[in-house]
Amino acid sequence: MFKQKKNKTFSYKPRFSKENGGDANLDDQSSNNKEFISKWKRQSEKKLKIGGALPIRTLILALVLLLICMYLLENKYI
């Protein structure tokens, strides 16, 4: 009368299985892993360099505005 829901099935293949040959496959995976890590580090360094310049600009701008305000306040009260 009612259609029952079927369980989901997945075609899962384990990454480190004994059937795949072992050492030769691990060498390929380790070299791919090292390439991925170095690529990730290069991307994170680029982000740090770009993000590092913004606070310096902001600090300089704040310093200039502070000096202008100090000058205006000094002239107003003297």
PDB file of N, CA and C in Angstrom:
ATOM      1  N   MET A   1       0.811  -1.174   0.000  1.00  0.00           N
ATOM      2  CA  MET A   1       0.000   0.000   0.000  1.00  0.00           C
ATOM      3  C   MET A   1       0.869   1.258   0.000  1.00  0.00           C
ATOM      4  N   PHE A   2       1.814   1.377   0.938  1.00  0.00           N
ATOM      5  CA  PHE A   2       2.733   2.518   0.962  1.00  0.00           C
ATOM      6  C   PHE A   2       4.097   2.070   0.465  1.00  0.00           C
ATOM      7  N   LYS A   3       4.737   2.942  -0.297  1.00  0.00           N
ATOM      8  CA  LYS A   3       6.089   2.632  -0.757  1.00  0.00           C
ATOM      9  C   LYS A   3       7.072   2.962   0.358  1.00  0.00           C
ATOM     10  N   GLN A   4       7.856   1.980   0.712  1.00  0.00           N
ATOM     11  CA  GLN A   4       8.831   2.213   1.763  1.00  0.00           C
ATOM     12  C   GLN A   4      10.119   2.791   1.176  1.00  0.00           C
ATOM     13  N   LYS A   5      10.751   3.614   1.960  1.00  0.00           N
ATOM     14  CA  LYS A   5      11.971   4.281   1.526  1.00  0.00           C
ATOM     15  C   LYS A   5      13.133   3.293   1.522  1.00  0.00           C
ATOM     16  N   LYS A   6      13.915   3.302   0.438  1.00  0.00           N
ATOM     17  CA  LYS A   6      15.068   2.418   0.350  1.00  0.00           C
ATOM     18  C   LYS A   6      16.281   3.089   0.976  1.00  0.00           C
ATOM     19  N   ASN A   7      17.147   2.295   1.527  1.00  0.00           N
ATOM     20  CA  ASN A   7      18.379   2.817   2.100  1.00  0.00           C
ATOM     21  C   ASN A   7      19.316   3.286   0.991  1.00  0.00           C
ATOM     22  N   LYS A   8      20.095   4.310   1.293  1.00  0.00           N
ATOM     23  CA  LYS A   8      21.051   4.825   0.318  1.00  0.00           C
ATOM     24  C   LYS A   8      22.229   3.869   0.202  1.00  0.00           C
ATOM     25  N   THR A   9      22.750   3.753  -1.008  1.00  0.00           N
ATOM     26  CA  THR A   9      23.931   2.933  -1.222  1.00  0.00           C
ATOM     27  C   THR A   9      25.023   3.802  -1.823  1.00  0.00           C
ATOM     28  N   PHE A  10      26.264   3.544  -1.452  1.00  0.00           N
ATOM     29  CA  PHE A  10      27.400   4.314  -1.926  1.00  0.00           C
ATOM     30  C   PHE A  10      28.427   3.369  -2.519  1.00  0.00           C
ATOM     31  N   SER A  11      29.115   3.843  -3.532  1.00  0.00           N
ATOM     32  CA  SER A  11      30.210   3.048  -4.093  1.00  0.00           C
ATOM     33  C   SER A  11      31.510   3.588  -3.515  1.00  0.00           C
ATOM     34  N   TYR A  12      31.823   3.170  -2.309  1.00  0.00           N
ATOM     35  CA  TYR A  12      32.971   3.664  -1.573  1.00  0.00           C
ATOM     36  C   TYR A  12      34.170   2.780  -1.838  1.00  0.00           C
ATOM     37  N   LYS A  13      35.297   3.425  -2.184  1.00  0.00           N
ATOM     38  CA  LYS A  13      36.555   2.705  -2.342  1.00  0.00           C
ATOM     39  C   LYS A  13      37.543   3.277  -1.342  1.00  0.00           C
ATOM     40  N   PRO A  14      38.045   2.488  -0.425  1.00  0.00           N
ATOM     41  CA  PRO A  14      38.967   3.012   0.575  1.00  0.00           C
ATOM     42  C   PRO A  14      40.275   3.478  -0.045  1.00  0.00           C
ATOM     43  N   ARG A  15      40.840   4.518   0.498  1.00  0.00           N
ATOM     44  CA  ARG A  15      42.070   5.087  -0.040  1.00  0.00           C
ATOM     45  C   ARG A  15      43.257   4.169   0.210  1.00  0.00           C
ATOM     46  N   PHE A  16      43.352   3.593   1.390  1.00  0.00           N
ATOM     47  CA  PHE A  16      44.490   2.766   1.754  1.00  0.00           C
ATOM     48  C   PHE A  16      44.055   1.322   1.924  1.00  0.00           C
ATOM     49  N   SER A  17      43.758   0.682   0.827  1.00  0.00           N
ATOM     50  CA  SER A  17      43.368  -0.714   0.929  1.00  0.00           C
ATOM     51  C   SER A  17      44.531  -1.599   0.509  1.00  0.00           C
ATOM     52  N   LYS A  18      44.545  -2.824   0.961  1.00  0.00           N
ATOM     53  CA  LYS A  18      45.632  -3.745   0.656  1.00  0.00           C
ATOM     54  C   LYS A  18      45.534  -4.279  -0.767  1.00  0.00           C
ATOM     55  N   GLU A  19      44.406  -4.161  -1.396  1.00  0.00           N
ATOM     56  CA  GLU A  19      44.208  -4.690  -2.736  1.00  0.00           C
ATOM     57  C   GLU A  19      44.862  -3.825  -3.816  1.00  0.00           C
ATOM     58  N   ASN A  20      45.135  -2.554  -3.533  1.00  0.00           N
ATOM     59  CA  ASN A  20      45.617  -1.637  -4.559  1.00  0.00           C
ATOM     60  C   ASN A  20      47.092  -1.759  -4.881  1.00  0.00           C
ATOM     61  N   GLY A  21      47.874  -2.522  -4.158  1.00  0.00           N
ATOM     62  CA  GLY A  21      49.268  -2.692  -4.505  1.00  0.00           C
ATOM     63  C   GLY A  21      50.212  -2.130  -3.462  1.00  0.00           C
ATOM     64  N   GLY A  22      49.787  -1.256  -2.623  1.00  0.00           N
ATOM     65  CA  GLY A  22      50.592  -0.848  -1.486  1.00  0.00           C
ATOM     66  C   GLY A  22      51.606   0.227  -1.756  1.00  0.00           C
ATOM     67  N   ASP A  23      52.914  -0.116  -1.817  1.00  0.00           N
ATOM     68  CA  ASP A  23      54.004   0.850  -1.777  1.00  0.00           C
ATOM     69  C   ASP A  23      54.035   1.785  -2.990  1.00  0.00           C
ATOM     70  N   ALA A  24      53.822   1.272  -4.175  1.00  0.00           N
ATOM     71  CA  ALA A  24      53.866   2.124  -5.362  1.00  0.00           C
ATOM     72  C   ALA A  24      52.776   3.186  -5.295  1.00  0.00           C
ATOM     73  N   ASN A  25      51.629   2.800  -4.847  1.00  0.00           N
ATOM     74  CA  ASN A  25      50.514   3.737  -4.737  1.00  0.00           C
ATOM     75  C   ASN A  25      50.768   4.761  -3.635  1.00  0.00           C
ATOM     76  N   LEU A  26      51.405   4.349  -2.554  1.00  0.00           N
ATOM     77  CA  LEU A  26      51.691   5.265  -1.454  1.00  0.00           C
ATOM     78  C   LEU A  26      52.700   6.330  -1.869  1.00  0.00           C
ATOM     79  N   ASP A  27      53.690   5.970  -2.694  1.00  0.00           N
ATOM     80  CA  ASP A  27      54.668   6.946  -3.164  1.00  0.00           C
ATOM     81  C   ASP A  27      53.994   8.020  -4.003  1.00  0.00           C
ATOM     82  N   ASP A  28      53.089   7.615  -4.877  1.00  0.00           N
ATOM     83  CA  ASP A  28      52.363   8.580  -5.694  1.00  0.00           C
ATOM     84  C   ASP A  28      51.512   9.489  -4.826  1.00  0.00           C
ATOM     85  N   GLN A  29      50.875   8.911  -3.838  1.00  0.00           N
ATOM     86  CA  GLN A  29      50.018   9.701  -2.955  1.00  0.00           C
ATOM     87  C   GLN A  29      50.834  10.670  -2.120  1.00  0.00           C
ATOM     88  N   SER A  30      52.023  10.238  -1.668  1.00  0.00           N
ATOM     89  CA  SER A  30      52.834  11.138  -0.847  1.00  0.00           C
ATOM     90  C   SER A  30      53.370  12.299  -1.673  1.00  0.00           C
ATOM     91  N   SER A  31      53.734  12.055  -2.939  1.00  0.00           N
ATOM     92  CA  SER A  31      54.200  13.159  -3.783  1.00  0.00           C
ATOM     93  C   SER A  31      53.050  14.112  -4.095  1.00  0.00           C
ATOM     94  N   ASN A  32      51.863  13.569  -4.341  1.00  0.00           N
ATOM     95  CA  ASN A  32      50.700  14.429  -4.555  1.00  0.00           C
ATOM     96  C   ASN A  32      50.378  15.226  -3.309  1.00  0.00           C
ATOM     97  N   ASN A  33      50.531  14.591  -2.155  1.00  0.00           N
ATOM     98  CA  ASN A  33      50.257  15.257  -0.887  1.00  0.00           C
ATOM     99  C   ASN A  33      51.246  16.399  -0.661  1.00  0.00           C
ATOM    100  N   LYS A  34      52.533  16.180  -0.971  1.00  0.00           N
ATOM    101  CA  LYS A  34      53.536  17.232  -0.801  1.00  0.00           C
ATOM    102  C   LYS A  34      53.270  18.397  -1.745  1.00  0.00           C
ATOM    103  N   GLU A  35      52.881  18.100  -2.975  1.00  0.00           N
ATOM    104  CA  GLU A  35      52.560  19.159  -3.930  1.00  0.00           C
ATOM    105  C   GLU A  35      51.366  19.969  -3.439  1.00  0.00           C
ATOM    106  N   PHE A  36      50.379  19.292  -2.896  1.00  0.00           N
ATOM    107  CA  PHE A  36      49.187  19.978  -2.388  1.00  0.00           C
ATOM    108  C   PHE A  36      49.559  20.877  -1.211  1.00  0.00           C
ATOM    109  N   ILE A  37      50.401  20.373  -0.310  1.00  0.00           N
ATOM    110  CA  ILE A  37      50.798  21.157   0.859  1.00  0.00           C
ATOM    111  C   ILE A  37      51.578  22.386   0.435  1.00  0.00           C
ATOM    112  N   SER A  38      52.516  22.239  -0.504  1.00  0.00           N
ATOM    113  CA  SER A  38      53.289  23.398  -0.927  1.00  0.00           C
ATOM    114  C   SER A  38      52.405  24.406  -1.649  1.00  0.00           C
ATOM    115  N   LYS A  39      51.455  23.942  -2.435  1.00  0.00           N
ATOM    116  CA  LYS A  39      50.535  24.856  -3.111  1.00  0.00           C
ATOM    117  C   LYS A  39      49.685  25.586  -2.082  1.00  0.00           C
ATOM    118  N   TRP A  40      49.237  24.902  -1.042  1.00  0.00           N
ATOM    119  CA  TRP A  40      48.419  25.507  -0.003  1.00  0.00           C
ATOM    120  C   TRP A  40      49.220  26.577   0.740  1.00  0.00           C
ATOM    121  N   LYS A  41      50.500  26.295   1.034  1.00  0.00           N
ATOM    122  CA  LYS A  41      51.334  27.271   1.737  1.00  0.00           C
ATOM    123  C   LYS A  41      51.546  28.519   0.893  1.00  0.00           C
ATOM    124  N   ARG A  42      51.765  28.334  -0.418  1.00  0.00           N
ATOM    125  CA  ARG A  42      51.954  29.488  -1.294  1.00  0.00           C
ATOM    126  C   ARG A  42      50.704  30.358  -1.317  1.00  0.00           C
ATOM    127  N   GLN A  43      49.534  29.761  -1.345  1.00  0.00           N
ATOM    128  CA  GLN A  43      48.299  30.534  -1.356  1.00  0.00           C
ATOM    129  C   GLN A  43      48.101  31.264  -0.040  1.00  0.00           C
ATOM    130  N   SER A  44      48.417  30.623   1.076  1.00  0.00           N
ATOM    131  CA  SER A  44      48.234  31.284   2.364  1.00  0.00           C
ATOM    132  C   SER A  44      49.229  32.425   2.536  1.00  0.00           C
ATOM    133  N   GLU A  45      50.459  32.304   1.986  1.00  0.00           N
ATOM    134  CA  GLU A  45      51.429  33.393   2.063  1.00  0.00           C
ATOM    135  C   GLU A  45      50.960  34.590   1.253  1.00  0.00           C
ATOM    136  N   LYS A  46      50.355  34.356   0.105  1.00  0.00           N
ATOM    137  CA  LYS A  46      49.839  35.451  -0.703  1.00  0.00           C
ATOM    138  C   LYS A  46      48.755  36.205   0.047  1.00  0.00           C
ATOM    139  N   LYS A  47      47.889  35.481   0.722  1.00  0.00           N
ATOM    140  CA  LYS A  47      46.814  36.117   1.475  1.00  0.00           C
ATOM    141  C   LYS A  47      47.375  36.945   2.619  1.00  0.00           C
ATOM    142  N   LEU A  48      48.432  36.463   3.275  1.00  0.00           N
ATOM    143  CA  LEU A  48      49.021  37.215   4.370  1.00  0.00           C
ATOM    144  C   LEU A  48      49.671  38.498   3.875  1.00  0.00           C
ATOM    145  N   LYS A  49      50.326  38.448   2.724  1.00  0.00           N
ATOM    146  CA  LYS A  49      50.975  39.636   2.196  1.00  0.00           C
ATOM    147  C   LYS A  49      49.947  40.691   1.825  1.00  0.00           C
ATOM    148  N   ILE A  50      48.873  40.293   1.194  1.00  0.00           N
ATOM    149  CA  ILE A  50      47.844  41.242   0.798  1.00  0.00           C
ATOM    150  C   ILE A  50      47.154  41.805   2.033  1.00  0.00           C
ATOM    151  N   GLY A  51      46.842  40.979   2.979  1.00  0.00           N
ATOM    152  CA  GLY A  51      46.147  41.416   4.172  1.00  0.00           C
ATOM    153  C   GLY A  51      47.037  42.230   5.099  1.00  0.00           C
ATOM    154  N   GLY A  52      48.354  42.066   5.015  1.00  0.00           N
ATOM    155  CA  GLY A  52      49.264  42.776   5.900  1.00  0.00           C
ATOM    156  C   GLY A  52      49.392  44.252   5.567  1.00  0.00           C
ATOM    157  N   ALA A  53      49.160  44.670   4.329  1.00  0.00           N
ATOM    158  CA  ALA A  53      49.324  46.063   3.926  1.00  0.00           C
ATOM    159  C   ALA A  53      48.157  46.930   4.394  1.00  0.00           C
ATOM    160  N   LEU A  54      47.009  46.372   4.539  1.00  0.00           N
ATOM    161  CA  LEU A  54      45.830  47.149   4.914  1.00  0.00           C
ATOM    162  C   LEU A  54      45.936  47.771   6.301  1.00  0.00           C
ATOM    163  N   PRO A  55      46.336  47.082   7.347  1.00  0.00           N
ATOM    164  CA  PRO A  55      46.434  47.725   8.661  1.00  0.00           C
ATOM    165  C   PRO A  55      47.466  48.850   8.700  1.00  0.00           C
ATOM    166  N   ILE A  56      48.558  48.742   7.949  1.00  0.00           N
ATOM    167  CA  ILE A  56      49.556  49.807   7.923  1.00  0.00           C
ATOM    168  C   ILE A  56      48.952  51.063   7.322  1.00  0.00           C
ATOM    169  N   ARG A  57      48.231  50.921   6.243  1.00  0.00           N
ATOM    170  CA  ARG A  57      47.563  52.069   5.628  1.00  0.00           C
ATOM    171  C   ARG A  57      46.558  52.688   6.591  1.00  0.00           C
ATOM    172  N   THR A  58      45.833  51.839   7.272  1.00  0.00           N
ATOM    173  CA  THR A  58      44.822  52.320   8.222  1.00  0.00           C
ATOM    174  C   THR A  58      45.481  53.070   9.371  1.00  0.00           C
ATOM    175  N   LEU A  59      46.596  52.554   9.874  1.00  0.00           N
ATOM    176  CA  LEU A  59      47.297  53.227  10.962  1.00  0.00           C
ATOM    177  C   LEU A  59      47.845  54.583  10.521  1.00  0.00           C
ATOM    178  N   ILE A  60      48.398  54.667   9.332  1.00  0.00           N
ATOM    179  CA  ILE A  60      48.910  55.939   8.827  1.00  0.00           C
ATOM    180  C   ILE A  60      47.776  56.939   8.667  1.00  0.00           C
ATOM    181  N   LEU A  61      46.660  56.500   8.128  1.00  0.00           N
ATOM    182  CA  LEU A  61      45.503  57.374   7.970  1.00  0.00           C
ATOM    183  C   LEU A  61      45.002  57.868   9.328  1.00  0.00           C
ATOM    184  N   ALA A  62      44.944  56.992  10.310  1.00  0.00           N
ATOM    185  CA  ALA A  62      44.498  57.380  11.646  1.00  0.00           C
ATOM    186  C   ALA A  62      45.476  58.371  12.279  1.00  0.00           C
ATOM    187  N   LEU A  63      46.763  58.173  12.063  1.00  0.00           N
ATOM    188  CA  LEU A  63      47.765  59.085  12.593  1.00  0.00           C
ATOM    189  C   LEU A  63      47.632  60.477  11.977  1.00  0.00           C
ATOM    190  N   VAL A  64      47.421  60.544  10.674  1.00  0.00           N
ATOM    191  CA  VAL A  64      47.247  61.824   9.992  1.00  0.00           C
ATOM    192  C   VAL A  64      45.995  62.529  10.499  1.00  0.00           C
ATOM    193  N   LEU A  65      44.898  61.808  10.637  1.00  0.00           N
ATOM    194  CA  LEU A  65      43.667  62.412  11.158  1.00  0.00           C
ATOM    195  C   LEU A  65      43.837  62.895  12.598  1.00  0.00           C
ATOM    196  N   LEU A  66      44.577  62.151  13.397  1.00  0.00           N
ATOM    197  CA  LEU A  66      44.844  62.557  14.777  1.00  0.00           C
ATOM    198  C   LEU A  66      45.667  63.839  14.821  1.00  0.00           C
ATOM    199  N   LEU A  67      46.669  63.927  13.982  1.00  0.00           N
ATOM    200  CA  LEU A  67      47.489  65.145  13.935  1.00  0.00           C
ATOM    201  C   LEU A  67      46.667  66.352  13.488  1.00  0.00           C
ATOM    202  N   ILE A  68      45.789  66.152  12.512  1.00  0.00           N
ATOM    203  CA  ILE A  68      44.928  67.251  12.052  1.00  0.00           C
ATOM    204  C   ILE A  68      43.998  67.698  13.176  1.00  0.00           C
ATOM    205  N   CYS A  69      43.405  66.760  13.886  1.00  0.00           N
ATOM    206  CA  CYS A  69      42.513  67.103  14.996  1.00  0.00           C
ATOM    207  C   CYS A  69      43.269  67.825  16.104  1.00  0.00           C
ATOM    208  N   MET A  70      44.483  67.366  16.418  1.00  0.00           N
ATOM    209  CA  MET A  70      45.281  68.041  17.445  1.00  0.00           C
ATOM    210  C   MET A  70      45.605  69.467  17.021  1.00  0.00           C
ATOM    211  N   TYR A  71      45.942  69.681  15.774  1.00  0.00           N
ATOM    212  CA  TYR A  71      46.248  71.011  15.266  1.00  0.00           C
ATOM    213  C   TYR A  71      45.020  71.928  15.352  1.00  0.00           C
ATOM    214  N   LEU A  72      43.864  71.396  14.943  1.00  0.00           N
ATOM    215  CA  LEU A  72      42.639  72.213  14.984  1.00  0.00           C
ATOM    216  C   LEU A  72      42.243  72.558  16.406  1.00  0.00           C
ATOM    217  N   LEU A  73      42.348  71.614  17.330  1.00  0.00           N
ATOM    218  CA  LEU A  73      42.003  71.870  18.719  1.00  0.00           C
ATOM    219  C   LEU A  73      42.968  72.861  19.371  1.00  0.00           C
ATOM    220  N   GLU A  74      44.241  72.764  19.006  1.00  0.00           N
ATOM    221  CA  GLU A  74      45.229  73.681  19.570  1.00  0.00           C
ATOM    222  C   GLU A  74      44.966  75.105  19.114  1.00  0.00           C
ATOM    223  N   ASN A  75      44.624  75.296  17.839  1.00  0.00           N
ATOM    224  CA  ASN A  75      44.357  76.637  17.317  1.00  0.00           C
ATOM    225  C   ASN A  75      43.032  77.198  17.867  1.00  0.00           C
ATOM    226  N   LYS A  76      42.093  76.358  18.157  1.00  0.00           N
ATOM    227  CA  LYS A  76      40.792  76.825  18.641  1.00  0.00           C
ATOM    228  C   LYS A  76      40.884  77.349  20.079  1.00  0.00           C
ATOM    229  N   TYR A  77      41.673  76.692  20.938  1.00  0.00           N
ATOM    230  CA  TYR A  77      41.729  77.055  22.338  1.00  0.00           C
ATOM    231  C   TYR A  77      42.871  78.003  22.679  1.00  0.00           C
ATOM    232  N   ILE A  78      43.699  78.341  21.724  1.00  0.00           N
ATOM    233  CA  ILE A  78      44.795  79.292  22.009  1.00  0.00           C
ATOM    234  C   ILE A  78      44.540  80.623  21.377  1.00  0.00           C
TER     235      ILE A  78
END
